[in-house]
């Protein structure tokens, strides 16, 4: 199982894991951007950074299946 993980990571960095690697990068950046906006917004309204990070991480992880649902492997 560990070798499968390392093989996938190697293919990812070679650009051969997905048919369109830029689509993966763009959608990953969108997900990170959403989490940052949520965390900053929640801290601005008075929540502690720890609680804002937990809420932002939960929402970001719930958003990932929607962002990556139509990606195709090479």
C-alpha atoms as a PDB file:
ATOM      1  CA  UNK A   1       0.000   0.000   0.000  1.00  0.00           C
ATOM      2  CA  UNK A   2       2.849   2.364   0.803  1.00  0.00           C
ATOM      3  CA  UNK A   3       4.477   1.659  -2.557  1.00  0.00           C
ATOM      4  CA  UNK A   4       1.199   2.507  -4.319  1.00  0.00           C
ATOM      5  CA  UNK A   5       1.169   5.837  -2.489  1.00  0.00           C
ATOM      6  CA  UNK A   6       4.741   6.626  -3.510  1.00  0.00           C
ATOM      7  CA  UNK A   7       4.053   5.596  -7.111  1.00  0.00           C
ATOM      8  CA  UNK A   8       1.039   7.938  -7.217  1.00  0.00           C
ATOM      9  CA  UNK A   9       3.055  10.802  -5.744  1.00  0.00           C
ATOM     10  CA  UNK A  10       5.815  10.207  -8.291  1.00  0.00           C
ATOM     11  CA  UNK A  11       3.316  10.188 -11.168  1.00  0.00           C
ATOM     12  CA  UNK A  12       1.710  13.360  -9.810  1.00  0.00           C
ATOM     13  CA  UNK A  13       4.985  15.278  -9.740  1.00  0.00           C
ATOM     14  CA  UNK A  14       5.899  14.017 -13.204  1.00  0.00           C
ATOM     15  CA  UNK A  15       2.533  15.338 -14.422  1.00  0.00           C
ATOM     16  CA  UNK A  16       1.285  11.925 -15.550  1.00  0.00           C
ATOM     17  CA  UNK A  17      -1.326  11.089 -12.895  1.00  0.00           C
ATOM     18  CA  UNK A  18      -4.154  13.288 -14.197  1.00  0.00           C
ATOM     19  CA  UNK A  19      -5.170  14.066 -17.769  1.00  0.00           C
ATOM     20  CA  UNK A  20      -5.173  17.794 -16.991  1.00  0.00           C
ATOM     21  CA  UNK A  21      -2.777  18.533 -14.091  1.00  0.00           C
ATOM     22  CA  UNK A  22      -3.458  22.275 -14.193  1.00  0.00           C
ATOM     23  CA  UNK A  23      -7.132  21.624 -13.466  1.00  0.00           C
ATOM     24  CA  UNK A  24      -6.059  19.820 -10.273  1.00  0.00           C
ATOM     25  CA  UNK A  25      -3.796  22.693  -9.234  1.00  0.00           C
ATOM     26  CA  UNK A  26      -6.427  25.342  -9.953  1.00  0.00           C
ATOM     27  CA  UNK A  27      -9.111  23.506  -8.018  1.00  0.00           C
ATOM     28  CA  UNK A  28      -6.719  22.916  -5.135  1.00  0.00           C
ATOM     29  CA  UNK A  29      -5.928  26.628  -5.005  1.00  0.00           C
ATOM     30  CA  UNK A  30      -9.652  27.407  -5.045  1.00  0.00           C
ATOM     31  CA  UNK A  31     -10.176  25.085  -2.075  1.00  0.00           C
ATOM     32  CA  UNK A  32      -7.309  26.625  -0.105  1.00  0.00           C
ATOM     33  CA  UNK A  33      -8.562  30.118  -0.958  1.00  0.00           C
ATOM     34  CA  UNK A  34     -12.040  29.321   0.334  1.00  0.00           C
ATOM     35  CA  UNK A  35     -10.606  28.017   3.608  1.00  0.00           C
ATOM     36  CA  UNK A  36      -8.421  31.106   4.045  1.00  0.00           C
ATOM     37  CA  UNK A  37     -11.368  33.426   3.382  1.00  0.00           C
ATOM     38  CA  UNK A  38     -13.522  31.532   5.876  1.00  0.00           C
ATOM     39  CA  UNK A  39     -10.803  31.533   8.556  1.00  0.00           C
ATOM     40  CA  UNK A  40     -10.055  35.242   8.150  1.00  0.00           C
ATOM     41  CA  UNK A  41     -13.747  36.116   8.090  1.00  0.00           C
ATOM     42  CA  UNK A  42     -14.492  34.152  11.227  1.00  0.00           C
ATOM     43  CA  UNK A  43     -11.569  35.677  13.112  1.00  0.00           C
ATOM     44  CA  UNK A  44     -12.718  39.148  12.023  1.00  0.00           C
ATOM     45  CA  UNK A  45     -16.138  38.586  13.591  1.00  0.00           C
ATOM     46  CA  UNK A  46     -14.537  37.602  16.889  1.00  0.00           C
ATOM     47  CA  UNK A  47     -14.025  33.843  16.921  1.00  0.00           C
ATOM     48  CA  UNK A  48     -10.724  32.497  18.181  1.00  0.00           C
ATOM     49  CA  UNK A  49      -8.241  31.418  15.538  1.00  0.00           C
ATOM     50  CA  UNK A  50      -8.384  27.783  16.685  1.00  0.00           C
ATOM     51  CA  UNK A  51     -12.146  27.575  16.321  1.00  0.00           C
ATOM     52  CA  UNK A  52     -12.030  29.417  12.993  1.00  0.00           C
ATOM     53  CA  UNK A  53      -9.400  26.963  11.725  1.00  0.00           C
ATOM     54  CA  UNK A  54     -11.519  23.978  12.746  1.00  0.00           C
ATOM     55  CA  UNK A  55     -14.634  25.376  11.050  1.00  0.00           C
ATOM     56  CA  UNK A  56     -12.682  26.421   7.944  1.00  0.00           C
ATOM     57  CA  UNK A  57     -11.017  23.012   7.723  1.00  0.00           C
ATOM     58  CA  UNK A  58     -14.350  21.240   8.041  1.00  0.00           C
ATOM     59  CA  UNK A  59     -15.951  23.337   5.316  1.00  0.00           C
ATOM     60  CA  UNK A  60     -12.872  22.998   3.095  1.00  0.00           C
ATOM     61  CA  UNK A  61     -12.796  19.237   3.451  1.00  0.00           C
ATOM     62  CA  UNK A  62     -16.518  19.051   2.690  1.00  0.00           C
ATOM     63  CA  UNK A  63     -15.887  21.143  -0.436  1.00  0.00           C
ATOM     64  CA  UNK A  64     -13.154  18.853  -1.851  1.00  0.00           C
ATOM     65  CA  UNK A  65     -15.464  16.159  -3.323  1.00  0.00           C
ATOM     66  CA  UNK A  66     -17.388  18.854  -5.171  1.00  0.00           C
ATOM     67  CA  UNK A  67     -14.202  20.395  -6.567  1.00  0.00           C
ATOM     68  CA  UNK A  68     -12.577  17.132  -7.628  1.00  0.00           C
ATOM     69  CA  UNK A  69     -15.614  15.123  -8.749  1.00  0.00           C
ATOM     70  CA  UNK A  70     -14.944  15.262 -12.493  1.00  0.00           C
ATOM     71  CA  UNK A  71     -11.154  14.891 -12.600  1.00  0.00           C
ATOM     72  CA  UNK A  72      -9.894  12.143 -14.885  1.00  0.00           C
ATOM     73  CA  UNK A  73      -6.808  10.028 -14.363  1.00  0.00           C
ATOM     74  CA  UNK A  74      -4.390   9.473 -17.219  1.00  0.00           C
END
